[in-house]
Amino acid sequence: MKQLPLSADTVGTVARGHPWVYHDGVRGKAPVGDAVELMDGRGKRVAWGLFDEGVIAVRVLGRDPVPLHELLKQRLAAAWARRTRLLGGETDTYRVCNGEGDGLGGLVVDRYGDVLVVRLYSKVWERQLDSIVGMLVGITGCKTVFRRYGVGRVDDRQGGETLRGPEPAEVFVVHEHGMKLLVRVREGQKTGLFLDQREHRKLIRGWASGRTVVNLFSYNGGFSLAAALGGAKHVTSVDVAAPALEDAREAFRLNGLDPAAHRFEAADAFTWTGGPSDLVIVDPPSLTHTQKADSAAKNAYKTLHRHVGGYATDLVATSSCTARLAWERWEEAVREGLGGGWASLHRSGEAIDHPVLVAHPEGRYLKFALLGKVAR
């Protein structure tokens, strides 16, 4: 195993458990995917990991080296055991491996019923992929493992391919807290669904009874369906993608709801204007991926919530997946946009199947808040 010296200001960060070593924090190189030891200035090992390329030079795996095959098997099994203990029988769709949060930085695995979807955010796992697939099938009992492409620095292509088992259907049904959802693992957002919002959809279901609801950036209607099943009087789903709205309509039918009793509108949520609504759900895509665009993202959230404040009469459930925008700046944008007279009722982040290392605050990205209007 090649030994690579760390820069003096990187040693402490790695020793405290951070899973990344940036390219300027280590001297020397190795082939992508090779295991390397990371040494301090006295030649003492600090950690070990797999050498990567790009901004992140090493994906740290631990302090003391162990055979990579054993490490993969142990950590994937531990991740699976944790999910099966934490999630109930009415849910068969969730994240199985959340990269750094499960000790395997750059490796994401999502479950959709009997289908596992793998997405690589680092090339270090390419050489291990066949072993990973075999382990996943053995540990989970799922029949199909599908690889989803779309990460530019890793695979630089769209679509995906089946790595093991029967080909997944173009669209199929999964279950989330007893709710039936349609998923498209070949072309849907992320790996098919926004799994990180599962518990927030459950929360909305509990708050929707008797209310008129607007779901902005609705995608295939997860929040909309939760609100309708929770007893909402009427739900309006707004998204620029008409095909996603068709899936939302079908999901309503699958759950015994009449889509004709609700509204599905293909429109830009930033400019859409409806009548007064008791509950407005705001779940936009990430508005920036770079630190330089931080101010622009904050202004976009502010503008969006100023618009929403014009027709939200009681509750606003708002979210951000923009990792580069800190909690404080996002909340400031929401507050400035909505104006005075709103109280924070609930704040939360990633769900339990999206663990984040304490030593890796960069892994925290999801922000969710439920606000209620206060009489003035």
Protein backbone atom coordinates (compact mmCIF):
# COMPACT_ATOMS: atom_id res chain seq x y z
CA MET A 1 0.00 0.00 0.00
CA LYS A 2 1.51 3.30 -1.08
CA GLN A 3 2.18 5.85 1.65
CA LEU A 4 1.27 9.48 0.96
CA PRO A 5 2.16 12.35 3.32
CA LEU A 6 -0.59 14.74 4.37
CA SER A 7 -0.09 18.49 4.61
CA ALA A 8 0.29 19.76 8.18
CA ASP A 9 -3.12 21.48 8.20
CA THR A 10 -4.88 18.34 6.90
CA VAL A 11 -3.60 15.86 9.49
CA GLY A 12 -5.91 17.03 12.28
CA THR A 13 -9.01 17.08 10.07
CA VAL A 14 -8.41 13.52 8.88
CA ALA A 15 -7.55 12.30 12.39
CA ARG A 16 -10.90 13.67 13.61
CA GLY A 17 -12.74 11.54 11.06
CA HIS A 18 -13.33 13.70 7.99
CA PRO A 19 -13.87 11.36 5.00
CA TRP A 20 -12.24 13.53 2.33
CA VAL A 21 -8.70 14.63 1.60
CA TYR A 22 -8.62 17.45 -0.92
CA HIS A 23 -6.02 17.46 -3.70
CA ASP A 24 -3.94 20.18 -2.01
CA GLY A 25 -3.92 18.29 1.30
CA VAL A 26 -1.79 15.35 0.19
CA ARG A 27 1.50 14.94 -1.66
CA GLY A 28 1.94 12.23 -4.26
CA LYS A 29 -0.43 10.23 -6.44
CA ALA A 30 -1.68 6.70 -7.03
CA PRO A 31 -3.93 5.01 -9.59
CA VAL A 32 -7.61 5.75 -9.04
CA GLY A 33 -9.10 3.14 -6.73
CA ASP A 34 -5.79 2.07 -5.18
CA ALA A 35 -5.62 1.84 -1.38
CA VAL A 36 -3.18 4.31 0.16
CA GLU A 37 -1.91 5.06 3.66
CA LEU A 38 -2.04 8.68 4.80
CA MET A 39 0.95 9.73 6.90
CA ASP A 40 1.69 12.66 9.19
CA GLY A 41 4.96 14.65 9.24
CA ARG A 42 6.62 12.07 11.50
CA GLY A 43 5.81 9.17 9.21
CA LYS A 44 2.99 7.87 11.42
CA ARG A 45 -0.17 6.56 9.77
CA VAL A 46 -3.21 8.80 10.31
CA ALA A 47 -5.71 6.93 8.14
CA TRP A 48 -6.12 4.98 4.93
CA GLY A 49 -8.43 5.19 1.95
CA LEU A 50 -8.84 4.95 -1.80
CA PHE A 51 -7.10 7.37 -4.14
CA ASP A 52 -9.47 9.41 -6.29
CA GLU A 53 -9.11 12.09 -8.94
CA GLY A 54 -10.29 15.68 -9.03
CA VAL A 55 -10.89 17.98 -6.08
CA ILE A 56 -11.17 15.07 -3.63
CA ALA A 57 -7.90 13.15 -3.81
CA VAL A 58 -8.59 10.43 -1.24
CA ARG A 59 -11.80 8.84 0.06
CA VAL A 60 -10.89 7.99 3.66
CA LEU A 61 -12.13 4.61 4.91
CA GLY A 62 -10.70 4.42 8.44
CA ARG A 63 -7.65 4.53 10.65
CA ASP A 64 -6.27 1.00 10.33
CA PRO A 65 -6.25 -0.79 6.95
CA VAL A 66 -8.34 -3.93 6.49
CA PRO A 67 -8.96 -5.98 3.34
CA LEU A 68 -11.29 -3.94 1.16
CA HIS A 69 -13.57 -6.91 0.42
CA GLU A 70 -14.14 -7.45 4.15
CA LEU A 71 -14.74 -3.77 4.77
CA LEU A 72 -17.33 -3.54 2.00
CA LYS A 73 -19.20 -6.62 3.19
CA GLN A 74 -19.24 -5.48 6.82
CA ARG A 75 -20.34 -1.92 6.10
CA LEU A 76 -23.01 -2.82 3.56
CA ALA A 77 -24.42 -5.44 5.93
CA ALA A 78 -24.43 -2.93 8.81
CA ALA A 79 -26.18 -0.33 6.65
CA TRP A 80 -28.85 -2.84 5.61
CA ALA A 81 -29.42 -4.05 9.18
CA ARG A 82 -29.87 -0.48 10.37
CA ARG A 83 -32.51 0.26 7.73
CA THR A 84 -34.52 -2.87 8.41
CA ARG A 85 -34.60 -2.03 12.13
CA LEU A 86 -35.56 1.62 11.65
CA LEU A 87 -38.14 1.41 8.86
CA GLY A 88 -41.54 -0.26 9.14
CA GLY A 89 -43.13 -2.92 6.97
CA GLU A 90 -45.31 -0.39 5.13
CA THR A 91 -42.21 1.08 3.46
CA ASP A 92 -40.19 -0.75 0.79
CA THR A 93 -38.37 2.23 -0.69
CA TYR A 94 -35.46 3.99 1.03
CA ARG A 95 -31.72 4.65 0.90
CA VAL A 96 -29.67 1.56 1.72
CA CYS A 97 -26.21 3.17 1.60
CA ASN A 98 -25.65 6.90 1.98
CA GLY A 99 -21.99 7.24 1.01
CA GLU A 100 -19.92 8.88 3.72
CA GLY A 101 -22.69 8.45 6.28
CA ASP A 102 -22.33 4.68 5.99
CA GLY A 103 -18.53 4.72 5.75
CA LEU A 104 -18.39 4.28 1.96
CA GLY A 105 -17.86 7.75 0.55
CA GLY A 106 -19.12 8.18 -3.02
CA LEU A 107 -21.31 5.05 -3.03
CA VAL A 108 -25.11 5.48 -2.99
CA VAL A 109 -27.60 2.60 -3.07
CA ASP A 110 -31.38 3.09 -3.06
CA ARG A 111 -34.06 0.44 -2.72
CA TYR A 112 -37.28 0.47 -4.74
CA GLY A 113 -39.12 -2.71 -3.81
CA ASP A 114 -37.13 -5.61 -5.30
CA VAL A 115 -34.88 -3.24 -7.27
CA LEU A 116 -31.66 -1.73 -5.94
CA VAL A 117 -30.30 1.32 -7.75
CA VAL A 118 -26.58 2.04 -7.47
CA ARG A 119 -25.11 5.44 -8.23
CA LEU A 120 -21.41 6.20 -8.05
CA TYR A 121 -20.24 9.67 -7.11
CA SER A 122 -16.61 8.56 -7.20
CA LYS A 123 -14.59 6.41 -9.59
CA VAL A 124 -12.86 4.63 -6.71
CA TRP A 125 -15.67 2.04 -6.64
CA GLU A 126 -15.58 1.13 -10.34
CA ARG A 127 -13.08 -1.70 -9.80
CA GLN A 128 -15.13 -3.06 -6.89
CA LEU A 129 -18.53 -2.75 -8.51
CA ASP A 130 -19.02 -6.42 -9.37
CA SER A 131 -18.20 -7.43 -5.80
CA ILE A 132 -20.48 -4.73 -4.42
CA VAL A 133 -23.38 -5.96 -6.57
CA GLY A 134 -22.87 -9.54 -5.41
CA MET A 135 -22.78 -8.47 -1.79
CA LEU A 136 -25.92 -6.36 -2.14
CA VAL A 137 -27.90 -9.23 -3.66
CA GLY A 138 -26.76 -11.60 -0.95
CA ILE A 139 -27.40 -9.18 1.93
CA THR A 140 -30.73 -7.70 0.84
CA GLY A 141 -32.36 -10.49 -1.16
CA CYS A 142 -33.40 -7.97 -3.82
CA LYS A 143 -33.65 -9.43 -7.31
CA THR A 144 -32.36 -6.63 -9.52
CA VAL A 145 -29.41 -4.24 -9.25
CA PHE A 146 -29.56 -1.33 -11.68
CA ARG A 147 -26.83 1.25 -12.13
CA ARG A 148 -27.98 4.79 -12.75
CA TYR A 149 -25.63 7.09 -14.64
CA GLY A 150 -25.59 10.88 -14.68
CA VAL A 151 -22.58 11.91 -12.56
CA GLY A 152 -20.36 13.88 -14.93
CA ARG A 153 -17.02 13.33 -13.24
CA VAL A 154 -17.63 9.57 -12.98
CA ASP A 155 -19.62 8.25 -15.95
CA ASP A 156 -20.56 11.35 -17.98
CA ARG A 157 -23.66 9.81 -19.60
CA GLN A 158 -27.36 9.48 -18.99
CA GLY A 159 -29.57 6.46 -18.49
CA GLY A 160 -28.37 3.30 -16.82
CA GLU A 161 -27.91 -0.45 -17.11
CA THR A 162 -28.97 -3.57 -15.27
CA LEU A 163 -26.00 -5.13 -13.49
CA ARG A 164 -27.75 -8.16 -12.02
CA GLY A 165 -31.15 -9.84 -12.29
CA PRO A 166 -34.26 -9.11 -14.39
CA GLU A 167 -34.60 -5.79 -16.19
CA PRO A 168 -36.67 -3.33 -14.11
CA ALA A 169 -39.97 -2.17 -15.59
CA GLU A 170 -40.07 1.32 -17.08
CA VAL A 171 -42.46 2.34 -14.30
CA PHE A 172 -43.55 0.35 -11.24
CA VAL A 173 -45.17 0.79 -7.83
CA VAL A 174 -43.40 1.12 -4.47
CA HIS A 175 -44.75 1.73 -0.97
CA GLU A 176 -43.98 4.52 1.48
CA HIS A 177 -45.77 4.46 4.84
CA GLY A 178 -48.54 2.52 3.07
CA MET A 179 -48.79 5.09 0.24
CA LYS A 180 -48.37 3.79 -3.33
CA LEU A 181 -45.92 5.76 -5.48
CA LEU A 182 -44.84 5.37 -9.09
CA VAL A 183 -41.10 5.21 -9.75
CA ARG A 184 -39.01 5.33 -12.92
CA VAL A 185 -35.48 4.22 -12.04
CA ARG A 186 -34.22 4.69 -15.62
CA GLU A 187 -35.14 8.35 -16.02
CA GLY A 188 -36.70 9.76 -12.85
CA GLN A 189 -35.10 12.48 -10.74
CA LYS A 190 -32.05 11.34 -8.72
CA THR A 191 -32.42 7.53 -8.71
CA GLY A 192 -36.20 7.63 -9.24
CA LEU A 193 -37.76 9.43 -6.27
CA PHE A 194 -36.78 12.05 -3.72
CA LEU A 195 -36.38 9.51 -0.93
CA ASP A 196 -34.96 12.06 1.50
CA GLN A 197 -38.39 13.71 1.82
CA ARG A 198 -40.18 10.55 2.99
CA GLU A 199 -40.75 11.64 6.60
CA HIS A 200 -41.72 15.14 5.51
CA ARG A 201 -44.40 13.69 3.24
CA LYS A 202 -45.70 11.79 6.27
CA LEU A 203 -45.74 15.04 8.27
CA ILE A 204 -47.74 16.79 5.53
CA ARG A 205 -50.24 13.95 5.55
CA GLY A 206 -50.88 14.70 9.21
CA TRP A 207 -51.38 18.44 8.65
CA ALA A 208 -53.49 18.42 5.48
CA SER A 209 -56.94 17.47 6.77
CA GLY A 210 -59.65 19.88 5.65
CA ARG A 211 -57.18 22.24 3.95
CA THR A 212 -56.74 23.52 0.41
CA VAL A 213 -53.19 22.62 -0.62
CA VAL A 214 -50.78 23.83 -3.31
CA ASN A 215 -47.69 21.74 -4.04
CA LEU A 216 -45.07 23.68 -5.98
CA PHE A 217 -42.32 21.78 -7.87
CA SER A 218 -44.54 18.74 -7.36
CA TYR A 219 -42.62 16.30 -9.61
CA ASN A 220 -44.66 13.07 -9.64
CA GLY A 221 -46.86 14.14 -6.77
CA GLY A 222 -45.45 12.62 -3.57
CA PHE A 223 -46.38 15.58 -1.35
CA SER A 224 -49.65 16.04 -3.25
CA LEU A 225 -50.65 12.43 -2.70
CA ALA A 226 -49.75 12.60 0.99
CA ALA A 227 -51.90 15.71 1.41
CA ALA A 228 -54.87 14.16 -0.41
CA LEU A 229 -54.65 10.93 1.60
CA GLY A 230 -54.47 13.07 4.73
CA GLY A 231 -57.89 14.51 3.96
CA ALA A 232 -57.12 17.72 2.08
CA LYS A 233 -60.20 19.32 0.54
CA HIS A 234 -58.39 20.06 -2.70
CA VAL A 235 -54.79 19.71 -3.93
CA THR A 236 -53.16 21.65 -6.76
CA SER A 237 -49.91 20.18 -8.13
CA VAL A 238 -47.65 22.55 -10.08
CA ASP A 239 -44.59 21.47 -12.08
CA VAL A 240 -42.99 22.40 -15.39
CA ALA A 241 -42.79 18.72 -16.43
CA ALA A 242 -46.14 17.56 -17.83
CA PRO A 243 -45.10 13.85 -17.90
CA ALA A 244 -44.38 13.96 -14.16
CA LEU A 245 -47.87 15.33 -13.58
CA GLU A 246 -49.32 12.41 -15.54
CA ASP A 247 -47.54 10.04 -13.15
CA ALA A 248 -49.00 12.04 -10.27
CA ARG A 249 -52.51 11.58 -11.66
CA GLU A 250 -51.93 7.83 -11.98
CA ALA A 251 -50.60 7.66 -8.40
CA PHE A 252 -53.84 9.27 -7.20
CA ARG A 253 -55.80 6.54 -8.99
CA LEU A 254 -53.61 3.80 -7.51
CA ASN A 255 -54.40 5.09 -4.04
CA GLY A 256 -58.15 5.19 -4.60
CA LEU A 257 -58.33 8.95 -5.17
CA ASP A 258 -60.10 10.68 -8.05
CA PRO A 259 -57.55 12.91 -9.81
CA ALA A 260 -60.43 14.85 -11.41
CA ALA A 261 -61.27 16.18 -7.94
CA HIS A 262 -57.88 17.90 -7.85
CA ARG A 263 -55.77 20.06 -10.15
CA PHE A 264 -52.53 19.29 -12.01
CA GLU A 265 -50.98 22.25 -13.78
CA ALA A 266 -47.85 22.38 -15.94
CA ALA A 267 -46.42 25.78 -15.07
CA ASP A 268 -43.37 27.58 -13.68
CA ALA A 269 -43.73 27.57 -9.91
CA PHE A 270 -41.75 30.81 -9.65
CA THR A 271 -44.47 32.70 -11.48
CA TRP A 272 -47.60 30.56 -10.94
CA THR A 273 -50.38 32.38 -9.16
CA GLY A 274 -53.41 30.74 -7.62
CA GLY A 275 -56.10 31.70 -5.20
CA PRO A 276 -55.76 31.71 -1.40
CA SER A 277 -54.44 28.37 -0.13
CA ASP A 278 -54.37 27.02 3.41
CA LEU A 279 -51.15 25.06 2.93
CA VAL A 280 -48.44 25.74 0.34
CA ILE A 281 -45.62 23.21 -0.14
CA VAL A 282 -42.39 24.60 -1.63
CA ASP A 283 -39.79 22.00 -2.64
CA PRO A 284 -37.61 23.42 -5.45
CA PRO A 285 -34.58 21.72 -7.00
CA SER A 286 -31.14 22.86 -5.91
CA LEU A 287 -30.70 26.47 -6.97
CA THR A 288 -26.90 26.42 -6.98
CA HIS A 289 -24.01 23.96 -6.91
CA THR A 290 -21.22 26.50 -6.41
CA GLN A 291 -20.18 28.69 -3.49
CA LYS A 292 -19.96 31.70 -5.80
CA ALA A 293 -23.66 31.44 -6.55
CA ASP A 294 -24.60 31.54 -2.86
CA SER A 295 -26.02 35.07 -3.00
CA ALA A 296 -27.95 34.34 -6.17
CA ALA A 297 -29.51 31.26 -4.56
CA LYS A 298 -30.48 33.24 -1.46
CA ASN A 299 -32.14 35.89 -3.61
CA ALA A 300 -34.00 33.20 -5.59
CA TYR A 301 -35.42 31.67 -2.40
CA LYS A 302 -36.38 35.13 -1.16
CA THR A 303 -38.17 35.97 -4.43
CA LEU A 304 -39.94 32.62 -4.45
CA HIS A 305 -41.25 32.99 -0.90
CA ARG A 306 -42.34 36.57 -1.49
CA HIS A 307 -44.47 35.18 -4.31
CA VAL A 308 -45.80 32.33 -2.12
CA GLY A 309 -46.64 34.76 0.66
CA GLY A 310 -49.14 36.40 -1.65
CA TYR A 311 -51.51 33.42 -1.53
CA ALA A 312 -50.50 31.26 1.48
CA THR A 313 -53.11 31.93 4.18
CA ASP A 314 -52.17 29.57 7.02
CA LEU A 315 -49.22 27.17 6.53
CA VAL A 316 -46.06 27.03 4.39
CA ALA A 317 -44.00 23.83 4.25
CA THR A 318 -40.74 24.80 2.60
CA SER A 319 -37.56 22.92 1.80
CA SER A 320 -34.11 23.35 0.30
CA CYS A 321 -31.65 20.78 -1.04
CA THR A 322 -29.10 23.48 -1.91
CA ALA A 323 -26.10 22.23 0.06
CA ARG A 324 -24.03 25.35 -0.55
CA LEU A 325 -26.59 27.58 1.15
CA ALA A 326 -26.29 27.39 4.94
CA TRP A 327 -29.34 26.89 7.18
CA GLU A 328 -29.11 30.44 8.50
CA ARG A 329 -28.97 32.08 5.09
CA TRP A 330 -31.79 29.91 3.75
CA GLU A 331 -34.01 30.72 6.74
CA GLU A 332 -33.17 34.38 6.33
CA ALA A 333 -34.26 34.22 2.68
CA VAL A 334 -37.53 32.51 3.62
CA ARG A 335 -38.19 35.01 6.42
CA GLU A 336 -37.46 38.03 4.26
CA GLY A 337 -39.57 36.64 1.44
CA LEU A 338 -42.66 35.80 3.50
CA GLY A 339 -42.42 38.91 5.63
CA GLY A 340 -43.56 39.24 9.24
CA GLY A 341 -46.31 37.31 10.94
CA TRP A 342 -45.05 33.74 10.54
CA ALA A 343 -44.00 31.32 13.31
CA SER A 344 -41.71 28.30 13.00
CA LEU A 345 -43.66 25.13 13.85
CA HIS A 346 -41.17 22.48 12.80
CA ARG A 347 -37.58 22.24 11.49
CA SER A 348 -35.77 19.12 10.28
CA GLY A 349 -33.22 17.76 7.82
CA GLU A 350 -32.27 14.39 6.40
CA ALA A 351 -34.27 11.26 7.24
CA ILE A 352 -32.82 8.37 9.26
CA ASP A 353 -31.82 6.47 6.11
CA HIS A 354 -29.61 9.41 5.06
CA PRO A 355 -27.05 9.42 7.91
CA VAL A 356 -24.40 12.14 7.99
CA LEU A 357 -21.01 11.82 9.67
CA VAL A 358 -20.62 14.23 12.59
CA ALA A 359 -17.11 15.02 11.29
CA HIS A 360 -18.51 15.74 7.81
CA PRO A 361 -20.87 18.73 8.03
CA GLU A 362 -20.64 19.10 4.24
CA GLY A 363 -22.90 16.06 4.08
CA ARG A 364 -25.80 18.04 5.51
CA TYR A 365 -27.84 19.53 2.71
CA LEU A 366 -31.58 19.05 3.29
CA LYS A 367 -33.48 21.77 5.12
CA PHE A 368 -37.20 21.64 5.88
CA ALA A 369 -39.44 23.99 7.83
CA LEU A 370 -43.15 24.22 8.52
CA LEU A 371 -44.32 27.76 9.24
CA GLY A 372 -47.68 28.97 10.44
CA LYS A 373 -49.22 32.39 9.98
CA VAL A 374 -49.81 34.33 13.18
CA ALA A 375 -52.70 36.78 13.54
CA ARG A 376 -51.48 40.37 13.73
